[in-house]
PDB file of N, CA and C in Angstrom:
ATOM      1  N   UNK A   1     -30.188  14.180  26.386  1.00  0.00           N
ATOM      2  CA  UNK A   1     -30.243  15.651  26.431  1.00  0.00           C
ATOM      3  C   UNK A   1     -30.650  16.123  27.836  1.00  0.00           C
ATOM      4  N   UNK A   2     -31.540  15.394  28.465  1.00  0.00           N
ATOM      5  CA  UNK A   2     -31.984  15.795  29.806  1.00  0.00           C
ATOM      6  C   UNK A   2     -30.917  15.488  30.864  1.00  0.00           C
ATOM      7  N   UNK A   3     -30.042  14.545  30.541  1.00  0.00           N
ATOM      8  CA  UNK A   3     -28.998  14.188  31.508  1.00  0.00           C
ATOM      9  C   UNK A   3     -27.893  15.239  31.557  1.00  0.00           C
ATOM     10  N   UNK A   4     -27.693  15.947  30.452  1.00  0.00           N
ATOM     11  CA  UNK A   4     -26.627  16.968  30.415  1.00  0.00           C
ATOM     12  C   UNK A   4     -26.910  18.120  31.386  1.00  0.00           C
ATOM     13  N   UNK A   5     -28.117  18.698  31.375  1.00  0.00           N
ATOM     14  CA  UNK A   5     -28.416  19.794  32.304  1.00  0.00           C
ATOM     15  C   UNK A   5     -28.415  19.328  33.758  1.00  0.00           C
ATOM     16  N   UNK A   6     -28.783  18.076  33.985  1.00  0.00           N
ATOM     17  CA  UNK A   6     -28.804  17.543  35.360  1.00  0.00           C
ATOM     18  C   UNK A   6     -27.382  17.388  35.884  1.00  0.00           C
ATOM     19  N   UNK A   7     -26.474  17.011  35.011  1.00  0.00           N
ATOM     20  CA  UNK A   7     -25.082  16.834  35.435  1.00  0.00           C
ATOM     21  C   UNK A   7     -24.489  18.177  35.862  1.00  0.00           C
ATOM     22  N   UNK A   8     -24.844  19.238  35.126  1.00  0.00           N
ATOM     23  CA  UNK A   8     -24.322  20.566  35.466  1.00  0.00           C
ATOM     24  C   UNK A   8     -24.825  21.016  36.835  1.00  0.00           C
ATOM     25  N   UNK A   9     -26.040  20.655  37.156  1.00  0.00           N
ATOM     26  CA  UNK A   9     -26.596  21.029  38.464  1.00  0.00           C
ATOM     27  C   UNK A   9     -25.924  20.248  39.586  1.00  0.00           C
ATOM     28  N   UNK A  10     -25.425  19.054  39.274  1.00  0.00           N
ATOM     29  CA  UNK A  10     -24.764  18.231  40.294  1.00  0.00           C
ATOM     30  C   UNK A  10     -23.293  18.618  40.449  1.00  0.00           C
ATOM     31  N   UNK A  11     -22.763  19.366  39.487  1.00  0.00           N
ATOM     32  CA  UNK A  11     -21.352  19.771  39.566  1.00  0.00           C
ATOM     33  C   UNK A  11     -21.075  20.576  40.841  1.00  0.00           C
ATOM     34  N   UNK A  12     -21.856  21.620  41.144  1.00  0.00           N
ATOM     35  CA  UNK A  12     -21.628  22.397  42.363  1.00  0.00           C
ATOM     36  C   UNK A  12     -21.918  21.586  43.626  1.00  0.00           C
ATOM     37  N   UNK A  13     -22.748  20.567  43.477  1.00  0.00           N
ATOM     38  CA  UNK A  13     -23.079  19.727  44.638  1.00  0.00           C
ATOM     39  C   UNK A  13     -22.106  18.550  44.767  1.00  0.00           C
ATOM     40  N   UNK A  14     -21.102  18.515  43.905  1.00  0.00           N
ATOM     41  CA  UNK A  14     -20.148  17.404  43.963  1.00  0.00           C
ATOM     42  C   UNK A  14     -19.264  17.513  45.211  1.00  0.00           C
ATOM     43  N   UNK A  15     -19.017  18.733  45.644  1.00  0.00           N
ATOM     44  CA  UNK A  15     -18.182  18.941  46.837  1.00  0.00           C
ATOM     45  C   UNK A  15     -18.826  18.272  48.066  1.00  0.00           C
ATOM     46  N   UNK A  16     -20.093  18.603  48.390  1.00  0.00           N
ATOM     47  CA  UNK A  16     -20.756  17.967  49.534  1.00  0.00           C
ATOM     48  C   UNK A  16     -20.973  16.475  49.296  1.00  0.00           C
ATOM     49  N   UNK A  17     -21.176  16.095  48.054  1.00  0.00           N
ATOM     50  CA  UNK A  17     -21.393  14.674  47.742  1.00  0.00           C
ATOM     51  C   UNK A  17     -20.122  13.882  48.019  1.00  0.00           C
ATOM     52  N   UNK A  18     -18.975  14.483  47.746  1.00  0.00           N
ATOM     53  CA  UNK A  18     -17.692  13.793  47.965  1.00  0.00           C
ATOM     54  C   UNK A  18     -17.552  13.445  49.447  1.00  0.00           C
ATOM     55  N   UNK A  19     -17.967  14.356  50.321  1.00  0.00           N
ATOM     56  CA  UNK A  19     -17.866  14.102  51.759  1.00  0.00           C
ATOM     57  C   UNK A  19     -18.890  13.038  52.159  1.00  0.00           C
ATOM     58  N   UNK A  20     -20.038  13.054  51.500  1.00  0.00           N
ATOM     59  CA  UNK A  20     -21.075  12.057  51.833  1.00  0.00           C
ATOM     60  C   UNK A  20     -20.630  10.672  51.369  1.00  0.00           C
ATOM     61  N   UNK A  21     -19.969  10.594  50.239  1.00  0.00           N
ATOM     62  CA  UNK A  21     -19.524   9.298  49.715  1.00  0.00           C
ATOM     63  C   UNK A  21     -18.495   8.679  50.647  1.00  0.00           C
ATOM     64  N   UNK A  22     -17.681   9.513  51.255  1.00  0.00           N
ATOM     65  CA  UNK A  22     -16.654   8.988  52.181  1.00  0.00           C
ATOM     66  C   UNK A  22     -17.305   8.441  53.450  1.00  0.00           C
ATOM     67  N   UNK A  23     -18.420   9.062  53.843  1.00  0.00           N
ATOM     68  CA  UNK A  23     -19.097   8.626  55.067  1.00  0.00           C
ATOM     69  C   UNK A  23     -20.097   7.507  54.765  1.00  0.00           C
ATOM     70  N   UNK A  24     -20.290   7.198  53.495  1.00  0.00           N
ATOM     71  CA  UNK A  24     -21.241   6.135  53.125  1.00  0.00           C
ATOM     72  C   UNK A  24     -20.834   4.802  53.770  1.00  0.00           C
ATOM     73  N   UNK A  25     -19.563   4.396  53.644  1.00  0.00           N
ATOM     74  CA  UNK A  25     -19.134   3.146  54.263  1.00  0.00           C
ATOM     75  C   UNK A  25     -19.149   3.238  55.787  1.00  0.00           C
ATOM     76  N   UNK A  26     -19.025   4.443  56.306  1.00  0.00           N
ATOM     77  CA  UNK A  26     -19.034   4.638  57.765  1.00  0.00           C
ATOM     78  C   UNK A  26     -20.316   5.368  58.160  1.00  0.00           C
ATOM     79  N   UNK A  27     -21.402   4.634  58.210  1.00  0.00           N
ATOM     80  CA  UNK A  27     -22.698   5.250  58.561  1.00  0.00           C
ATOM     81  C   UNK A  27     -22.681   5.766  60.003  1.00  0.00           C
ATOM     82  N   UNK A  28     -21.950   5.077  60.858  1.00  0.00           N
ATOM     83  CA  UNK A  28     -21.901   5.475  62.271  1.00  0.00           C
ATOM     84  C   UNK A  28     -21.193   6.832  62.410  1.00  0.00           C
ATOM     85  N   UNK A  29     -20.114   7.025  61.648  1.00  0.00           N
ATOM     86  CA  UNK A  29     -19.342   8.268  61.756  1.00  0.00           C
ATOM     87  C   UNK A  29     -19.832   9.292  60.730  1.00  0.00           C
ATOM     88  N   UNK A  30     -21.001   9.024  60.138  1.00  0.00           N
ATOM     89  CA  UNK A  30     -21.536   9.955  59.140  1.00  0.00           C
ATOM     90  C   UNK A  30     -21.885  11.288  59.801  1.00  0.00           C
ATOM     91  N   UNK A  31     -22.412  11.227  61.000  1.00  0.00           N
ATOM     92  CA  UNK A  31     -22.804  12.466  61.694  1.00  0.00           C
ATOM     93  C   UNK A  31     -21.570  13.235  62.165  1.00  0.00           C
ATOM     94  N   UNK A  32     -20.545  12.512  62.600  1.00  0.00           N
ATOM     95  CA  UNK A  32     -19.336  13.184  63.087  1.00  0.00           C
ATOM     96  C   UNK A  32     -18.580  13.817  61.918  1.00  0.00           C
ATOM     97  N   UNK A  33     -18.591  13.125  60.782  1.00  0.00           N
ATOM     98  CA  UNK A  33     -17.867  13.660  59.599  1.00  0.00           C
ATOM     99  C   UNK A  33     -18.585  14.900  59.064  1.00  0.00           C
ATOM    100  N   UNK A  34     -19.905  14.894  59.085  1.00  0.00           N
ATOM    101  CA  UNK A  34     -20.667  16.024  58.541  1.00  0.00           C
ATOM    102  C   UNK A  34     -20.429  17.273  59.398  1.00  0.00           C
ATOM    103  N   UNK A  35     -20.300  17.091  60.699  1.00  0.00           N
ATOM    104  CA  UNK A  35     -20.088  18.236  61.592  1.00  0.00           C
ATOM    105  C   UNK A  35     -18.643  18.733  61.479  1.00  0.00           C
ATOM    106  N   UNK A  36     -17.693  17.810  61.384  1.00  0.00           N
ATOM    107  CA  UNK A  36     -16.278  18.195  61.298  1.00  0.00           C
ATOM    108  C   UNK A  36     -15.993  18.849  59.942  1.00  0.00           C
ATOM    109  N   UNK A  37     -16.668  18.381  58.881  1.00  0.00           N
ATOM    110  CA  UNK A  37     -16.451  18.950  57.550  1.00  0.00           C
ATOM    111  C   UNK A  37     -17.027  20.371  57.483  1.00  0.00           C
ATOM    112  N   UNK A  38     -18.090  20.630  58.233  1.00  0.00           N
ATOM    113  CA  UNK A  38     -18.701  21.967  58.232  1.00  0.00           C
ATOM    114  C   UNK A  38     -17.755  22.974  58.888  1.00  0.00           C
ATOM    115  N   UNK A  39     -17.080  22.548  59.922  1.00  0.00           N
ATOM    116  CA  UNK A  39     -16.134  23.432  60.604  1.00  0.00           C
ATOM    117  C   UNK A  39     -14.829  23.512  59.812  1.00  0.00           C
TER     118      UNK A  39
END
């Protein structure tokens, strides 16, 4: 029951998380991806 409300809160944060997951394997380009994704 507690996991259901937490999942809903992560739904809007899934967009930024998707970009973070892509940069996870590329820790070096994590900073460049975060700046390019913001623009």
